[in-house]
């Protein structure tokens, strides 16, 4: 269970930025946006608050093998598509397949709480160029 934590002005700004965008931004991008509303916010504060929001279950941290994580303002379990050409990350709006959890649980005996799935390939824009 996540530890209760106070919703500071900086934390609320960061959460609002992530919830109002579907671009799955990096911490640096969130920092640049946050500075428009809180000019004296530091990059360290953004990183700390992203970690706290992730630990609270308010956002998702996504890592696709690059040197930086991306963040998702939608904490509900959902799928993503990563374009291997332009490096954009998209939400895939299909139902999460709960049968997969049961299949893994039945096969392994593990207790599956949730799963994460990503698809890789070319987005429509890159496929047509």
C-alpha atoms as a PDB file:
ATOM      1  CA  UNK A   1       0.000   0.000   0.000  1.00  0.00           C
ATOM      2  CA  UNK A   2       1.361   3.410  -0.964  1.00  0.00           C
ATOM      3  CA  UNK A   3       2.308   5.755   1.846  1.00  0.00           C
ATOM      4  CA  UNK A   4      -0.024   8.768   2.151  1.00  0.00           C
ATOM      5  CA  UNK A   5       1.691  11.912   1.022  1.00  0.00           C
ATOM      6  CA  UNK A   6       0.719  15.544   0.786  1.00  0.00           C
ATOM      7  CA  UNK A   7      -0.261  16.959  -2.614  1.00  0.00           C
ATOM      8  CA  UNK A   8       2.128  19.904  -2.891  1.00  0.00           C
ATOM      9  CA  UNK A   9       1.776  22.631  -5.517  1.00  0.00           C
ATOM     10  CA  UNK A  10       4.697  21.176  -7.492  1.00  0.00           C
ATOM     11  CA  UNK A  11       3.281  17.649  -7.335  1.00  0.00           C
ATOM     12  CA  UNK A  12      -0.134  18.873  -8.494  1.00  0.00           C
ATOM     13  CA  UNK A  13       1.399  20.804 -11.415  1.00  0.00           C
ATOM     14  CA  UNK A  14       3.363  17.729 -12.517  1.00  0.00           C
ATOM     15  CA  UNK A  15       0.309  15.480 -12.213  1.00  0.00           C
ATOM     16  CA  UNK A  16      -1.839  17.975 -14.157  1.00  0.00           C
ATOM     17  CA  UNK A  17       0.777  18.141 -16.929  1.00  0.00           C
ATOM     18  CA  UNK A  18       0.835  14.356 -17.263  1.00  0.00           C
ATOM     19  CA  UNK A  19      -2.941  13.960 -17.076  1.00  0.00           C
ATOM     20  CA  UNK A  20      -3.514  16.593 -19.762  1.00  0.00           C
ATOM     21  CA  UNK A  21      -1.098  15.020 -22.278  1.00  0.00           C
ATOM     22  CA  UNK A  22      -1.007  11.676 -24.032  1.00  0.00           C
ATOM     23  CA  UNK A  23       2.544  12.059 -25.323  1.00  0.00           C
ATOM     24  CA  UNK A  24       4.267   9.970 -22.600  1.00  0.00           C
ATOM     25  CA  UNK A  25       6.945  12.616 -21.943  1.00  0.00           C
ATOM     26  CA  UNK A  26      10.388  12.414 -20.388  1.00  0.00           C
ATOM     27  CA  UNK A  27      11.157  14.072 -17.054  1.00  0.00           C
ATOM     28  CA  UNK A  28      13.009  16.845 -18.925  1.00  0.00           C
ATOM     29  CA  UNK A  29       9.892  17.631 -20.968  1.00  0.00           C
ATOM     30  CA  UNK A  30       7.752  17.670 -17.802  1.00  0.00           C
ATOM     31  CA  UNK A  31      10.340  19.992 -16.212  1.00  0.00           C
ATOM     32  CA  UNK A  32      10.160  22.443 -19.121  1.00  0.00           C
ATOM     33  CA  UNK A  33       6.353  22.497 -18.920  1.00  0.00           C
ATOM     34  CA  UNK A  34       6.337  22.825 -15.119  1.00  0.00           C
ATOM     35  CA  UNK A  35       8.720  25.815 -15.264  1.00  0.00           C
ATOM     36  CA  UNK A  36       6.044  27.730 -17.190  1.00  0.00           C
ATOM     37  CA  UNK A  37       3.794  27.494 -14.114  1.00  0.00           C
ATOM     38  CA  UNK A  38       6.369  27.285 -11.319  1.00  0.00           C
ATOM     39  CA  UNK A  39       9.453  29.173 -12.596  1.00  0.00           C
ATOM     40  CA  UNK A  40      11.662  28.259  -9.615  1.00  0.00           C
ATOM     41  CA  UNK A  41      11.008  24.491  -9.747  1.00  0.00           C
ATOM     42  CA  UNK A  42      14.177  22.427 -10.075  1.00  0.00           C
ATOM     43  CA  UNK A  43      14.791  19.375 -12.219  1.00  0.00           C
ATOM     44  CA  UNK A  44      15.550  17.436  -9.030  1.00  0.00           C
ATOM     45  CA  UNK A  45      12.132  18.378  -7.627  1.00  0.00           C
ATOM     46  CA  UNK A  46      10.494  17.121 -10.817  1.00  0.00           C
ATOM     47  CA  UNK A  47      12.359  13.788 -10.614  1.00  0.00           C
ATOM     48  CA  UNK A  48      11.524  13.362  -6.915  1.00  0.00           C
ATOM     49  CA  UNK A  49       7.852  14.151  -7.464  1.00  0.00           C
ATOM     50  CA  UNK A  50       7.622  11.832 -10.465  1.00  0.00           C
ATOM     51  CA  UNK A  51       8.953   9.031  -8.245  1.00  0.00           C
ATOM     52  CA  UNK A  52       6.500   9.872  -5.464  1.00  0.00           C
ATOM     53  CA  UNK A  53       3.552  10.041  -7.904  1.00  0.00           C
ATOM     54  CA  UNK A  54       4.625   6.683  -9.363  1.00  0.00           C
ATOM     55  CA  UNK A  55       4.888   5.141  -5.906  1.00  0.00           C
ATOM     56  CA  UNK A  56       1.446   6.554  -5.025  1.00  0.00           C
ATOM     57  CA  UNK A  57       0.006   4.848  -8.110  1.00  0.00           C
ATOM     58  CA  UNK A  58      -0.991   8.168  -9.693  1.00  0.00           C
ATOM     59  CA  UNK A  59       1.199   7.748 -12.800  1.00  0.00           C
ATOM     60  CA  UNK A  60       3.127   5.057 -14.642  1.00  0.00           C
ATOM     61  CA  UNK A  61       6.867   5.099 -15.310  1.00  0.00           C
ATOM     62  CA  UNK A  62       7.688   3.464 -18.623  1.00  0.00           C
ATOM     63  CA  UNK A  63      11.182   2.402 -19.656  1.00  0.00           C
ATOM     64  CA  UNK A  64      11.842   1.159 -23.170  1.00  0.00           C
ATOM     65  CA  UNK A  65      15.548   0.487 -22.991  1.00  0.00           C
ATOM     66  CA  UNK A  66      16.542   4.090 -23.576  1.00  0.00           C
ATOM     67  CA  UNK A  67      18.607   6.158 -21.179  1.00  0.00           C
ATOM     68  CA  UNK A  68      15.503   7.851 -19.763  1.00  0.00           C
ATOM     69  CA  UNK A  69      12.046   6.889 -18.586  1.00  0.00           C
ATOM     70  CA  UNK A  70       8.778   8.191 -19.941  1.00  0.00           C
ATOM     71  CA  UNK A  71       5.750   8.947 -17.832  1.00  0.00           C
ATOM     72  CA  UNK A  72       2.070   8.258 -18.334  1.00  0.00           C
ATOM     73  CA  UNK A  73      -0.649  10.203 -16.537  1.00  0.00           C
ATOM     74  CA  UNK A  74      -3.047   7.284 -16.924  1.00  0.00           C
ATOM     75  CA  UNK A  75      -2.253   4.866 -14.081  1.00  0.00           C
ATOM     76  CA  UNK A  76      -4.813   2.273 -15.193  1.00  0.00           C
ATOM     77  CA  UNK A  77      -3.350  -0.869 -16.735  1.00  0.00           C
ATOM     78  CA  UNK A  78      -3.343  -0.410 -20.503  1.00  0.00           C
ATOM     79  CA  UNK A  79      -1.183  -1.323 -23.477  1.00  0.00           C
ATOM     80  CA  UNK A  80       1.315   0.767 -25.438  1.00  0.00           C
ATOM     81  CA  UNK A  81       2.758   0.811 -28.953  1.00  0.00           C
ATOM     82  CA  UNK A  82       6.345   1.992 -29.442  1.00  0.00           C
ATOM     83  CA  UNK A  83       7.369   3.168 -32.916  1.00  0.00           C
ATOM     84  CA  UNK A  84      10.882   1.926 -33.596  1.00  0.00           C
ATOM     85  CA  UNK A  85      11.499   4.646 -36.180  1.00  0.00           C
ATOM     86  CA  UNK A  86      10.277   7.893 -34.577  1.00  0.00           C
ATOM     87  CA  UNK A  87      10.415   6.653 -30.948  1.00  0.00           C
ATOM     88  CA  UNK A  88       6.894   7.863 -30.224  1.00  0.00           C
ATOM     89  CA  UNK A  89       4.840   6.001 -27.664  1.00  0.00           C
ATOM     90  CA  UNK A  90       1.094   5.567 -28.118  1.00  0.00           C
ATOM     91  CA  UNK A  91      -1.707   4.215 -25.942  1.00  0.00           C
ATOM     92  CA  UNK A  92      -3.408   1.178 -27.467  1.00  0.00           C
ATOM     93  CA  UNK A  93      -7.098   1.415 -26.690  1.00  0.00           C
ATOM     94  CA  UNK A  94      -8.061  -2.235 -26.459  1.00  0.00           C
ATOM     95  CA  UNK A  95      -9.300  -4.019 -23.341  1.00  0.00           C
ATOM     96  CA  UNK A  96      -6.614  -5.457 -21.091  1.00  0.00           C
ATOM     97  CA  UNK A  97      -6.737  -9.222 -21.546  1.00  0.00           C
ATOM     98  CA  UNK A  98      -7.339 -10.547 -18.037  1.00  0.00           C
ATOM     99  CA  UNK A  99      -7.226 -14.144 -19.251  1.00  0.00           C
ATOM    100  CA  UNK A 100      -3.479 -13.751 -19.666  1.00  0.00           C
ATOM    101  CA  UNK A 101      -3.057 -13.186 -15.927  1.00  0.00           C
ATOM    102  CA  UNK A 102      -4.957 -16.400 -15.167  1.00  0.00           C
ATOM    103  CA  UNK A 103      -3.021 -18.352 -17.805  1.00  0.00           C
ATOM    104  CA  UNK A 104       0.326 -17.322 -16.299  1.00  0.00           C
ATOM    105  CA  UNK A 105      -0.937 -17.944 -12.792  1.00  0.00           C
ATOM    106  CA  UNK A 106      -2.268 -21.396 -13.679  1.00  0.00           C
ATOM    107  CA  UNK A 107       0.928 -22.323 -15.536  1.00  0.00           C
ATOM    108  CA  UNK A 108       3.455 -21.065 -12.997  1.00  0.00           C
ATOM    109  CA  UNK A 109       1.634 -20.938  -9.681  1.00  0.00           C
ATOM    110  CA  UNK A 110       2.716 -17.290  -9.344  1.00  0.00           C
ATOM    111  CA  UNK A 111       0.247 -14.740  -7.971  1.00  0.00           C
ATOM    112  CA  UNK A 112      -0.274 -12.331 -10.879  1.00  0.00           C
ATOM    113  CA  UNK A 113      -1.544  -8.909  -9.817  1.00  0.00           C
ATOM    114  CA  UNK A 114      -1.355  -7.263 -13.253  1.00  0.00           C
ATOM    115  CA  UNK A 115       0.657  -7.338 -16.448  1.00  0.00           C
ATOM    116  CA  UNK A 116       2.171  -4.831 -18.843  1.00  0.00           C
ATOM    117  CA  UNK A 117       2.339  -5.355 -22.565  1.00  0.00           C
ATOM    118  CA  UNK A 118       3.943  -3.298 -25.304  1.00  0.00           C
ATOM    119  CA  UNK A 119       3.766  -3.609 -29.046  1.00  0.00           C
ATOM    120  CA  UNK A 120       6.683  -2.571 -31.283  1.00  0.00           C
ATOM    121  CA  UNK A 121       6.813  -1.641 -34.950  1.00  0.00           C
ATOM    122  CA  UNK A 122       6.108   1.363 -37.155  1.00  0.00           C
ATOM    123  CA  UNK A 123       3.382   3.907 -36.454  1.00  0.00           C
ATOM    124  CA  UNK A 124       1.084   4.910 -39.271  1.00  0.00           C
ATOM    125  CA  UNK A 125       3.088   8.053 -40.058  1.00  0.00           C
ATOM    126  CA  UNK A 126       6.391   6.197 -40.318  1.00  0.00           C
ATOM    127  CA  UNK A 127       4.855   3.274 -42.188  1.00  0.00           C
ATOM    128  CA  UNK A 128       3.637   5.624 -44.927  1.00  0.00           C
ATOM    129  CA  UNK A 129       6.965   7.466 -45.338  1.00  0.00           C
END
